[in-house]
Amino acid sequence: MTWLSLAEIGAILGESPSRVRRLLEDHFLIGSARTGSFRVPALFLQNDELIASLRGTIMVLQDAGFSNDEVIDWLLAVDDTIGVAPIEALRAGRKSEVRRVARTLA
């Protein structure tokens, strides 16, 4: 899987580093530094844009007590209820299904 630095995300989105940090603070994106430097999974972008439904899903999971790393792990792992990784379902426009499953994790 590909992980992007904040500078790479800024270049893709055409945004400044401070704007990218703001997107992280406002939960439009989520990343991790567990492998060294802070990175965001490339799957969290689609067609050089943010996945609009990602923010609400991140917030549901964080409200359920998930850490950033746990949110990322859940989004990237295949979920038996959904049949694919939740991020793949979000990329396919299946926001309601993903959020329904995420709410059951609280």
PDB file of N, CA and C in Angstrom:
ATOM      1  N   MET A   1       0.833  -1.181   0.000  1.00  0.00           N
ATOM      2  CA  MET A   1       0.000   0.000   0.000  1.00  0.00           C
ATOM      3  C   MET A   1       0.882   1.250   0.000  1.00  0.00           C
ATOM      4  N   THR A   2       0.425   2.254  -0.683  1.00  0.00           N
ATOM      5  CA  THR A   2       1.157   3.509  -0.791  1.00  0.00           C
ATOM      6  C   THR A   2       0.713   4.473   0.310  1.00  0.00           C
ATOM      7  N   TRP A   3       1.710   5.097   0.935  1.00  0.00           N
ATOM      8  CA  TRP A   3       1.469   6.118   1.950  1.00  0.00           C
ATOM      9  C   TRP A   3       2.063   7.426   1.441  1.00  0.00           C
ATOM     10  N   LEU A   4       1.390   8.539   1.699  1.00  0.00           N
ATOM     11  CA  LEU A   4       1.811   9.844   1.209  1.00  0.00           C
ATOM     12  C   LEU A   4       2.217  10.762   2.355  1.00  0.00           C
ATOM     13  N   SER A   5       3.250  11.553   2.103  1.00  0.00           N
ATOM     14  CA  SER A   5       3.641  12.580   3.075  1.00  0.00           C
ATOM     15  C   SER A   5       2.673  13.761   2.955  1.00  0.00           C
ATOM     16  N   LEU A   6       2.740  14.646   3.928  1.00  0.00           N
ATOM     17  CA  LEU A   6       1.886  15.840   3.869  1.00  0.00           C
ATOM     18  C   LEU A   6       2.221  16.694   2.658  1.00  0.00           C
ATOM     19  N   ALA A   7       3.512  16.766   2.312  1.00  0.00           N
ATOM     20  CA  ALA A   7       3.914  17.537   1.131  1.00  0.00           C
ATOM     21  C   ALA A   7       3.337  16.919  -0.136  1.00  0.00           C
ATOM     22  N   GLU A   8       3.335  15.594  -0.216  1.00  0.00           N
ATOM     23  CA  GLU A   8       2.774  14.918  -1.395  1.00  0.00           C
ATOM     24  C   GLU A   8       1.264  15.141  -1.491  1.00  0.00           C
ATOM     25  N   ILE A   9       0.590  15.094  -0.357  1.00  0.00           N
ATOM     26  CA  ILE A   9      -0.854  15.353  -0.351  1.00  0.00           C
ATOM     27  C   ILE A   9      -1.130  16.786  -0.798  1.00  0.00           C
ATOM     28  N   GLY A  10      -0.339  17.722  -0.272  1.00  0.00           N
ATOM     29  CA  GLY A  10      -0.503  19.116  -0.668  1.00  0.00           C
ATOM     30  C   GLY A  10      -0.318  19.301  -2.164  1.00  0.00           C
ATOM     31  N   ALA A  11       0.675  18.639  -2.737  1.00  0.00           N
ATOM     32  CA  ALA A  11       0.916  18.743  -4.171  1.00  0.00           C
ATOM     33  C   ALA A  11      -0.251  18.162  -4.971  1.00  0.00           C
ATOM     34  N   ILE A  12      -0.778  17.036  -4.536  1.00  0.00           N
ATOM     35  CA  ILE A  12      -1.902  16.408  -5.233  1.00  0.00           C
ATOM     36  C   ILE A  12      -3.145  17.283  -5.165  1.00  0.00           C
ATOM     37  N   LEU A  13      -3.424  17.817  -3.984  1.00  0.00           N
ATOM     38  CA  LEU A  13      -4.632  18.625  -3.785  1.00  0.00           C
ATOM     39  C   LEU A  13      -4.461  20.081  -4.198  1.00  0.00           C
ATOM     40  N   GLY A  14      -3.210  20.492  -4.431  1.00  0.00           N
ATOM     41  CA  GLY A  14      -2.957  21.892  -4.746  1.00  0.00           C
ATOM     42  C   GLY A  14      -3.145  22.786  -3.536  1.00  0.00           C
ATOM     43  N   GLU A  15      -2.792  22.265  -2.359  1.00  0.00           N
ATOM     44  CA  GLU A  15      -2.979  22.984  -1.106  1.00  0.00           C
ATOM     45  C   GLU A  15      -1.637  23.220  -0.416  1.00  0.00           C
ATOM     46  N   SER A  16      -1.583  24.232   0.418  1.00  0.00           N
ATOM     47  CA  SER A  16      -0.378  24.536   1.192  1.00  0.00           C
ATOM     48  C   SER A  16      -0.228  23.527   2.324  1.00  0.00           C
ATOM     49  N   PRO A  17       0.995  23.390   2.876  1.00  0.00           N
ATOM     50  CA  PRO A  17       1.184  22.490   4.021  1.00  0.00           C
ATOM     51  C   PRO A  17       0.285  22.842   5.206  1.00  0.00           C
ATOM     52  N   SER A  18       0.071  24.125   5.445  1.00  0.00           N
ATOM     53  CA  SER A  18      -0.785  24.511   6.571  1.00  0.00           C
ATOM     54  C   SER A  18      -2.240  24.101   6.316  1.00  0.00           C
ATOM     55  N   ARG A  19      -2.676  24.179   5.080  1.00  0.00           N
ATOM     56  CA  ARG A  19      -4.046  23.749   4.741  1.00  0.00           C
ATOM     57  C   ARG A  19      -4.184  22.237   4.904  1.00  0.00           C
ATOM     58  N   VAL A  20      -3.151  21.473   4.539  1.00  0.00           N
ATOM     59  CA  VAL A  20      -3.185  20.018   4.712  1.00  0.00           C
ATOM     60  C   VAL A  20      -3.252  19.678   6.202  1.00  0.00           C
ATOM     61  N   ARG A  21      -2.475  20.377   7.016  1.00  0.00           N
ATOM     62  CA  ARG A  21      -2.545  20.148   8.465  1.00  0.00           C
ATOM     63  C   ARG A  21      -3.943  20.460   8.994  1.00  0.00           C
ATOM     64  N   ARG A  22      -4.561  21.488   8.463  1.00  0.00           N
ATOM     65  CA  ARG A  22      -5.921  21.853   8.875  1.00  0.00           C
ATOM     66  C   ARG A  22      -6.920  20.759   8.483  1.00  0.00           C
ATOM     67  N   LEU A  23      -6.738  20.149   7.313  1.00  0.00           N
ATOM     68  CA  LEU A  23      -7.599  19.045   6.889  1.00  0.00           C
ATOM     69  C   LEU A  23      -7.482  17.870   7.870  1.00  0.00           C
ATOM     70  N   LEU A  24      -6.274  17.645   8.373  1.00  0.00           N
ATOM     71  CA  LEU A  24      -6.057  16.597   9.375  1.00  0.00           C
ATOM     72  C   LEU A  24      -6.728  16.969  10.700  1.00  0.00           C
ATOM     73  N   GLU A  25      -6.548  18.208  11.139  1.00  0.00           N
ATOM     74  CA  GLU A  25      -7.147  18.662  12.394  1.00  0.00           C
ATOM     75  C   GLU A  25      -8.666  18.590  12.349  1.00  0.00           C
ATOM     76  N   ASP A  26      -9.241  18.856  11.178  1.00  0.00           N
ATOM     77  CA  ASP A  26     -10.695  18.858  11.012  1.00  0.00           C
ATOM     78  C   ASP A  26     -11.245  17.492  10.609  1.00  0.00           C
ATOM     79  N   HIS A  27     -10.394  16.464  10.626  1.00  0.00           N
ATOM     80  CA  HIS A  27     -10.781  15.067  10.386  1.00  0.00           C
ATOM     81  C   HIS A  27     -11.236  14.766   8.954  1.00  0.00           C
ATOM     82  N   PHE A  28     -10.828  15.595   7.999  1.00  0.00           N
ATOM     83  CA  PHE A  28     -11.092  15.273   6.597  1.00  0.00           C
ATOM     84  C   PHE A  28     -10.135  14.183   6.129  1.00  0.00           C
ATOM     85  N   LEU A  29      -9.002  14.078   6.785  1.00  0.00           N
ATOM     86  CA  LEU A  29      -7.982  13.060   6.539  1.00  0.00           C
ATOM     87  C   LEU A  29      -7.486  12.553   7.874  1.00  0.00           C
ATOM     88  N   ILE A  30      -6.844  11.410   7.840  1.00  0.00           N
ATOM     89  CA  ILE A  30      -6.242  10.848   9.033  1.00  0.00           C
ATOM     90  C   ILE A  30      -4.952  10.153   8.617  1.00  0.00           C
ATOM     91  N   GLY A  31      -3.944  10.232   9.466  1.00  0.00           N
ATOM     92  CA  GLY A  31      -2.666   9.622   9.139  1.00  0.00           C
ATOM     93  C   GLY A  31      -2.015   9.027  10.369  1.00  0.00           C
ATOM     94  N   SER A  32      -0.797   8.539  10.174  1.00  0.00           N
ATOM     95  CA  SER A  32      -0.086   7.864  11.251  1.00  0.00           C
ATOM     96  C   SER A  32       1.413   8.066  11.103  1.00  0.00           C
ATOM     97  N   ALA A  33       2.085   8.060  12.239  1.00  0.00           N
ATOM     98  CA  ALA A  33       3.552   8.127  12.260  1.00  0.00           C
ATOM     99  C   ALA A  33       4.138   6.822  12.788  1.00  0.00           C
ATOM    100  N   ARG A  34       3.357   5.770  12.821  1.00  0.00           N
ATOM    101  CA  ARG A  34       3.837   4.514  13.408  1.00  0.00           C
ATOM    102  C   ARG A  34       4.977   3.870  12.638  1.00  0.00           C
ATOM    103  N   THR A  35       5.150   4.243  11.390  1.00  0.00           N
ATOM    104  CA  THR A  35       6.258   3.677  10.606  1.00  0.00           C
ATOM    105  C   THR A  35       7.405   4.672  10.452  1.00  0.00           C
ATOM    106  N   GLY A  36       7.409   5.712  11.255  1.00  0.00           N
ATOM    107  CA  GLY A  36       8.458   6.733  11.173  1.00  0.00           C
ATOM    108  C   GLY A  36       7.850   8.095  10.973  1.00  0.00           C
ATOM    109  N   SER A  37       7.971   8.635   9.780  1.00  0.00           N
ATOM    110  CA  SER A  37       7.401   9.957   9.511  1.00  0.00           C
ATOM    111  C   SER A  37       5.894   9.858   9.299  1.00  0.00           C
ATOM    112  N   PHE A  38       5.205  10.956   9.558  1.00  0.00           N
ATOM    113  CA  PHE A  38       3.751  10.996   9.450  1.00  0.00           C
ATOM    114  C   PHE A  38       3.337  10.817   7.998  1.00  0.00           C
ATOM    115  N   ARG A  39       2.418   9.908   7.761  1.00  0.00           N
ATOM    116  CA  ARG A  39       1.940   9.605   6.407  1.00  0.00           C
ATOM    117  C   ARG A  39       0.444   9.330   6.426  1.00  0.00           C
ATOM    118  N   VAL A  40      -0.150   9.470   5.248  1.00  0.00           N
ATOM    119  CA  VAL A  40      -1.580   9.219   5.046  1.00  0.00           C
ATOM    120  C   VAL A  40      -1.711   8.176   3.942  1.00  0.00           C
ATOM    121  N   PRO A  41      -2.575   7.169   4.129  1.00  0.00           N
ATOM    122  CA  PRO A  41      -2.767   6.197   3.052  1.00  0.00           C
ATOM    123  C   PRO A  41      -3.266   6.872   1.771  1.00  0.00           C
ATOM    124  N   ALA A  42      -2.645   6.536   0.660  1.00  0.00           N
ATOM    125  CA  ALA A  42      -3.031   7.119  -0.630  1.00  0.00           C
ATOM    126  C   ALA A  42      -4.476   6.783  -0.984  1.00  0.00           C
ATOM    127  N   LEU A  43      -5.005   5.669  -0.469  1.00  0.00           N
ATOM    128  CA  LEU A  43      -6.386   5.284  -0.745  1.00  0.00           C
ATOM    129  C   LEU A  43      -7.399   6.283  -0.197  1.00  0.00           C
ATOM    130  N   PHE A  44      -6.948   7.170   0.694  1.00  0.00           N
ATOM    131  CA  PHE A  44      -7.853   8.164   1.261  1.00  0.00           C
ATOM    132  C   PHE A  44      -8.107   9.332   0.300  1.00  0.00           C
ATOM    133  N   LEU A  45      -7.435   9.308  -0.846  1.00  0.00           N
ATOM    134  CA  LEU A  45      -7.679  10.269  -1.921  1.00  0.00           C
ATOM    135  C   LEU A  45      -8.198   9.492  -3.126  1.00  0.00           C
ATOM    136  N   GLN A  46      -9.032  10.129  -3.916  1.00  0.00           N
ATOM    137  CA  GLN A  46      -9.554   9.512  -5.127  1.00  0.00           C
ATOM    138  C   GLN A  46      -9.657  10.569  -6.209  1.00  0.00           C
ATOM    139  N   ASN A  47      -9.093  10.273  -7.354  1.00  0.00           N
ATOM    140  CA  ASN A  47      -9.097  11.230  -8.471  1.00  0.00           C
ATOM    141  C   ASN A  47      -8.530  12.579  -8.047  1.00  0.00           C
ATOM    142  N   ASP A  48      -7.438  12.536  -7.288  1.00  0.00           N
ATOM    143  CA  ASP A  48      -6.743  13.730  -6.808  1.00  0.00           C
ATOM    144  C   ASP A  48      -7.612  14.639  -5.940  1.00  0.00           C
ATOM    145  N   GLU A  49      -8.574  14.040  -5.247  1.00  0.00           N
ATOM    146  CA  GLU A  49      -9.444  14.780  -4.334  1.00  0.00           C
ATOM    147  C   GLU A  49      -9.641  13.965  -3.063  1.00  0.00           C
ATOM    148  N   LEU A  50     -10.086  14.645  -2.008  1.00  0.00           N
ATOM    149  CA  LEU A  50     -10.454  13.949  -0.776  1.00  0.00           C
ATOM    150  C   LEU A  50     -11.703  13.121  -1.023  1.00  0.00           C
ATOM    151  N   ILE A  51     -11.816  11.996  -0.353  1.00  0.00           N
ATOM    152  CA  ILE A  51     -13.062  11.224  -0.380  1.00  0.00           C
ATOM    153  C   ILE A  51     -14.005  11.917   0.597  1.00  0.00           C
ATOM    154  N   ALA A  52     -15.049  12.503   0.086  1.00  0.00           N
ATOM    155  CA  ALA A  52     -15.932  13.344   0.897  1.00  0.00           C
ATOM    156  C   ALA A  52     -16.523  12.601   2.092  1.00  0.00           C
ATOM    157  N   SER A  53     -16.831  11.339   1.937  1.00  0.00           N
ATOM    158  CA  SER A  53     -17.477  10.582   3.009  1.00  0.00           C
ATOM    159  C   SER A  53     -16.502  10.103   4.078  1.00  0.00           C
ATOM    160  N   LEU A  54     -15.222  10.318   3.880  1.00  0.00           N
ATOM    161  CA  LEU A  54     -14.228   9.846   4.839  1.00  0.00           C
ATOM    162  C   LEU A  54     -14.343  10.577   6.173  1.00  0.00           C
ATOM    163  N   ARG A  55     -14.573  11.874   6.140  1.00  0.00           N
ATOM    164  CA  ARG A  55     -14.607  12.678   7.367  1.00  0.00           C
ATOM    165  C   ARG A  55     -15.626  12.160   8.371  1.00  0.00           C
ATOM    166  N   GLY A  56     -16.839  11.960   7.952  1.00  0.00           N
ATOM    167  CA  GLY A  56     -17.876  11.492   8.855  1.00  0.00           C
ATOM    168  C   GLY A  56     -17.572  10.115   9.419  1.00  0.00           C
ATOM    169  N   THR A  57     -16.991   9.265   8.602  1.00  0.00           N
ATOM    170  CA  THR A  57     -16.634   7.919   9.053  1.00  0.00           C
ATOM    171  C   THR A  57     -15.527   7.987  10.090  1.00  0.00           C
ATOM    172  N   ILE A  58     -14.528   8.833   9.853  1.00  0.00           N
ATOM    173  CA  ILE A  58     -13.454   9.026  10.838  1.00  0.00           C
ATOM    174  C   ILE A  58     -14.053   9.489  12.161  1.00  0.00           C
ATOM    175  N   MET A  59     -14.964  10.428  12.092  1.00  0.00           N
ATOM    176  CA  MET A  59     -15.554  10.982  13.314  1.00  0.00           C
ATOM    177  C   MET A  59     -16.385   9.942  14.074  1.00  0.00           C
ATOM    178  N   VAL A  60     -17.132   9.105  13.358  1.00  0.00           N
ATOM    179  CA  VAL A  60     -17.905   8.041  14.012  1.00  0.00           C
ATOM    180  C   VAL A  60     -16.968   7.114  14.774  1.00  0.00           C
ATOM    181  N   LEU A  61     -15.879   6.720  14.137  1.00  0.00           N
ATOM    182  CA  LEU A  61     -14.939   5.793  14.766  1.00  0.00           C
ATOM    183  C   LEU A  61     -14.198   6.443  15.939  1.00  0.00           C
ATOM    184  N   GLN A  62     -13.801   7.690  15.788  1.00  0.00           N
ATOM    185  CA  GLN A  62     -13.138   8.372  16.897  1.00  0.00           C
ATOM    186  C   GLN A  62     -14.099   8.567  18.069  1.00  0.00           C
ATOM    187  N   ASP A  63     -15.357   8.860  17.784  1.00  0.00           N
ATOM    188  CA  ASP A  63     -16.359   8.986  18.846  1.00  0.00           C
ATOM    189  C   ASP A  63     -16.552   7.654  19.581  1.00  0.00           C
ATOM    190  N   ALA A  64     -16.288   6.549  18.876  1.00  0.00           N
ATOM    191  CA  ALA A  64     -16.390   5.220  19.481  1.00  0.00           C
ATOM    192  C   ALA A  64     -15.135   4.866  20.285  1.00  0.00           C
ATOM    193  N   GLY A  65     -14.153   5.776  20.301  1.00  0.00           N
ATOM    194  CA  GLY A  65     -12.955   5.564  21.097  1.00  0.00           C
ATOM    195  C   GLY A  65     -11.762   5.024  20.336  1.00  0.00           C
ATOM    196  N   PHE A  66     -11.859   4.948  19.019  1.00  0.00           N
ATOM    197  CA  PHE A  66     -10.745   4.455  18.214  1.00  0.00           C
ATOM    198  C   PHE A  66      -9.618   5.488  18.159  1.00  0.00           C
ATOM    199  N   SER A  67      -8.385   5.028  18.244  1.00  0.00           N
ATOM    200  CA  SER A  67      -7.224   5.900  18.015  1.00  0.00           C
ATOM    201  C   SER A  67      -7.069   6.089  16.505  1.00  0.00           C
ATOM    202  N   ASN A  68      -6.223   7.022  16.111  1.00  0.00           N
ATOM    203  CA  ASN A  68      -5.987   7.225  14.677  1.00  0.00           C
ATOM    204  C   ASN A  68      -5.513   5.949  14.004  1.00  0.00           C
ATOM    205  N   ASP A  69      -4.576   5.237  14.629  1.00  0.00           N
ATOM    206  CA  ASP A  69      -4.073   3.997  14.042  1.00  0.00           C
ATOM    207  C   ASP A  69      -5.180   2.945  13.937  1.00  0.00           C
ATOM    208  N   GLU A  70      -6.036   2.873  14.936  1.00  0.00           N
ATOM    209  CA  GLU A  70      -7.145   1.915  14.889  1.00  0.00           C
ATOM    210  C   GLU A  70      -8.147   2.278  13.798  1.00  0.00           C
ATOM    211  N   VAL A  71      -8.409   3.562  13.601  1.00  0.00           N
ATOM    212  CA  VAL A  71      -9.298   4.005  12.522  1.00  0.00           C
ATOM    213  C   VAL A  71      -8.717   3.572  11.180  1.00  0.00           C
ATOM    214  N   ILE A  72      -7.441   3.842  10.980  1.00  0.00           N
ATOM    215  CA  ILE A  72      -6.788   3.484   9.718  1.00  0.00           C
ATOM    216  C   ILE A  72      -6.835   1.969   9.509  1.00  0.00           C
ATOM    217  N   ASP A  73      -6.507   1.208  10.544  1.00  0.00           N
ATOM    218  CA  ASP A  73      -6.524  -0.252  10.431  1.00  0.00           C
ATOM    219  C   ASP A  73      -7.909  -0.760  10.046  1.00  0.00           C
ATOM    220  N   TRP A  74      -8.953  -0.213  10.675  1.00  0.00           N
ATOM    221  CA  TRP A  74     -10.307  -0.656  10.361  1.00  0.00           C
ATOM    222  C   TRP A  74     -10.686  -0.290   8.930  1.00  0.00           C
ATOM    223  N   LEU A  75     -10.354   0.913   8.513  1.00  0.00           N
ATOM    224  CA  LEU A  75     -10.693   1.335   7.157  1.00  0.00           C
ATOM    225  C   LEU A  75     -10.014   0.485   6.088  1.00  0.00           C
ATOM    226  N   LEU A  76      -8.814  -0.001   6.382  1.00  0.00           N
ATOM    227  CA  LEU A  76      -8.028  -0.717   5.377  1.00  0.00           C
ATOM    228  C   LEU A  76      -8.220  -2.231   5.397  1.00  0.00           C
ATOM    229  N   ALA A  77      -8.762  -2.785   6.476  1.00  0.00           N
ATOM    230  CA  ALA A  77      -8.935  -4.238   6.588  1.00  0.00           C
ATOM    231  C   ALA A  77     -10.296  -4.654   6.031  1.00  0.00           C
ATOM    232  N   VAL A  78     -10.345  -5.811   5.404  1.00  0.00           N
ATOM    233  CA  VAL A  78     -11.610  -6.323   4.889  1.00  0.00           C
ATOM    234  C   VAL A  78     -12.552  -6.568   6.066  1.00  0.00           C
ATOM    235  N   ASP A  79     -13.762  -6.085   5.943  1.00  0.00           N
ATOM    236  CA  ASP A  79     -14.791  -6.275   6.954  1.00  0.00           C
ATOM    237  C   ASP A  79     -15.793  -7.293   6.411  1.00  0.00           C
ATOM    238  N   ASP A  80     -16.041  -8.358   7.167  1.00  0.00           N
ATOM    239  CA  ASP A  80     -16.936  -9.422   6.704  1.00  0.00           C
ATOM    240  C   ASP A  80     -18.355  -8.921   6.436  1.00  0.00           C
ATOM    241  N   THR A  81     -18.824  -7.974   7.232  1.00  0.00           N
ATOM    242  CA  THR A  81     -20.173  -7.446   7.058  1.00  0.00           C
ATOM    243  C   THR A  81     -20.314  -6.682   5.744  1.00  0.00           C
ATOM    244  N   ILE A  82     -19.277  -5.940   5.387  1.00  0.00           N
ATOM    245  CA  ILE A  82     -19.292  -5.120   4.173  1.00  0.00           C
ATOM    246  C   ILE A  82     -18.847  -5.945   2.960  1.00  0.00           C
ATOM    247  N   GLY A  83     -17.945  -6.892   3.191  1.00  0.00           N
ATOM    248  CA  GLY A  83     -17.453  -7.742   2.106  1.00  0.00           C
ATOM    249  C   GLY A  83     -16.174  -7.263   1.464  1.00  0.00           C
ATOM    250  N   VAL A  84     -15.791  -6.035   1.764  1.00  0.00           N
ATOM    251  CA  VAL A  84     -14.539  -5.437   1.283  1.00  0.00           C
ATOM    252  C   VAL A  84     -14.008  -4.547   2.391  1.00  0.00           C
ATOM    253  N   ALA A  85     -12.839  -3.983   2.186  1.00  0.00           N
ATOM    254  CA  ALA A  85     -12.320  -3.007   3.138  1.00  0.00           C
ATOM    255  C   ALA A  85     -13.253  -1.793   3.140  1.00  0.00           C
ATOM    256  N   PRO A  86     -13.555  -1.232   4.307  1.00  0.00           N
ATOM    257  CA  PRO A  86     -14.436  -0.066   4.354  1.00  0.00           C
ATOM    258  C   PRO A  86     -13.993   1.078   3.435  1.00  0.00           C
ATOM    259  N   ILE A  87     -12.683   1.291   3.289  1.00  0.00           N
ATOM    260  CA  ILE A  87     -12.246   2.384   2.405  1.00  0.00           C
ATOM    261  C   ILE A  87     -12.638   2.103   0.962  1.00  0.00           C
ATOM    262  N   GLU A  88     -12.612   0.836   0.555  1.00  0.00           N
ATOM    263  CA  GLU A  88     -13.036   0.487  -0.805  1.00  0.00           C
ATOM    264  C   GLU A  88     -14.529   0.754  -0.984  1.00  0.00           C
ATOM    265  N   ALA A  89     -15.304   0.438   0.048  1.00  0.00           N
ATOM    266  CA  ALA A  89     -16.738   0.715  -0.013  1.00  0.00           C
ATOM    267  C   ALA A  89     -16.998   2.215  -0.083  1.00  0.00           C
ATOM    268  N   LEU A  90     -16.258   3.010   0.696  1.00  0.00           N
ATOM    269  CA  LEU A  90     -16.414   4.469   0.631  1.00  0.00           C
ATOM    270  C   LEU A  90     -16.054   4.986  -0.756  1.00  0.00           C
ATOM    271  N   ARG A  91     -14.985   4.462  -1.333  1.00  0.00           N
ATOM    272  CA  ARG A  91     -14.554   4.878  -2.672  1.00  0.00           C
ATOM    273  C   ARG A  91     -15.613   4.526  -3.719  1.00  0.00           C
ATOM    274  N   ALA A  92     -16.413   3.500  -3.434  1.00  0.00           N
ATOM    275  CA  ALA A  92     -17.474   3.067  -4.354  1.00  0.00           C
ATOM    276  C   ALA A  92     -18.807   3.750  -4.066  1.00  0.00           C
ATOM    277  N   GLY A  93     -18.827   4.672  -3.095  1.00  0.00           N
ATOM    278  CA  GLY A  93     -20.044   5.416  -2.795  1.00  0.00           C
ATOM    279  C   GLY A  93     -20.984   4.732  -1.816  1.00  0.00           C
ATOM    280  N   ARG A  94     -20.500   3.777  -1.054  1.00  0.00           N
ATOM    281  CA  ARG A  94     -21.330   3.021  -0.120  1.00  0.00           C
ATOM    282  C   ARG A  94     -21.207   3.569   1.308  1.00  0.00           C
ATOM    283  N   LYS A  95     -21.329   4.876   1.439  1.00  0.00           N
ATOM    284  CA  LYS A  95     -21.143   5.570   2.719  1.00  0.00           C
ATOM    285  C   LYS A  95     -22.103   5.077   3.798  1.00  0.00           C
ATOM    286  N   SER A  96     -23.371   4.946   3.495  1.00  0.00           N
ATOM    287  CA  SER A  96     -24.363   4.559   4.504  1.00  0.00           C
ATOM    288  C   SER A  96     -24.058   3.196   5.093  1.00  0.00           C
ATOM    289  N   GLU A  97     -23.676   2.255   4.258  1.00  0.00           N
ATOM    290  CA  GLU A  97     -23.355   0.914   4.722  1.00  0.00           C
ATOM    291  C   GLU A  97     -22.133   0.931   5.650  1.00  0.00           C
ATOM    292  N   VAL A  98     -21.113   1.679   5.258  1.00  0.00           N
ATOM    293  CA  VAL A  98     -19.890   1.759   6.067  1.00  0.00           C
ATOM    294  C   VAL A  98     -20.186   2.406   7.407  1.00  0.00           C
ATOM    295  N   ARG A  99     -20.932   3.485   7.406  1.00  0.00           N
ATOM    296  CA  ARG A  99     -21.234   4.176   8.665  1.00  0.00           C
ATOM    297  C   ARG A  99     -22.119   3.334   9.568  1.00  0.00           C
ATOM    298  N   ARG A 100     -23.037   2.576   8.978  1.00  0.00           N
ATOM    299  CA  ARG A 100     -23.892   1.695   9.772  1.00  0.00           C
ATOM    300  C   ARG A 100     -23.034   0.676  10.517  1.00  0.00           C
ATOM    301  N   VAL A 101     -22.087   0.071   9.828  1.00  0.00           N
ATOM    302  CA  VAL A 101     -21.211  -0.912  10.454  1.00  0.00           C
ATOM    303  C   VAL A 101     -20.316  -0.222  11.489  1.00  0.00           C
ATOM    304  N   ALA A 102     -19.789   0.958  11.166  1.00  0.00           N
ATOM    305  CA  ALA A 102     -18.917   1.679  12.093  1.00  0.00           C
ATOM    306  C   ALA A 102     -19.659   2.017  13.391  1.00  0.00           C
ATOM    307  N   ARG A 103     -20.926   2.357  13.288  1.00  0.00           N
ATOM    308  CA  ARG A 103     -21.705   2.705  14.496  1.00  0.00           C
ATOM    309  C   ARG A 103     -21.895   1.509  15.404  1.00  0.00           C
ATOM    310  N   THR A 104     -21.882   0.302  14.861  1.00  0.00           N
ATOM    311  CA  THR A 104     -22.055  -0.886  15.699  1.00  0.00           C
ATOM    312  C   THR A 104     -20.799  -1.183  16.525  1.00  0.00           C
ATOM    313  N   LEU A 105     -19.692  -0.527  16.216  1.00  0.00           N
ATOM    314  CA  LEU A 105     -18.445  -0.765  16.914  1.00  0.00           C
ATOM    315  C   LEU A 105     -18.312   0.023  18.203  1.00  0.00           C
ATOM    316  N   ALA A 106     -19.235   0.940  18.427  1.00  0.00           N
ATOM    317  CA  ALA A 106     -19.170   1.805  19.619  1.00  0.00           C
ATOM    318  C   ALA A 106     -19.413   1.040  20.895  1.00  0.00           C
TER     319      ALA A 106
END
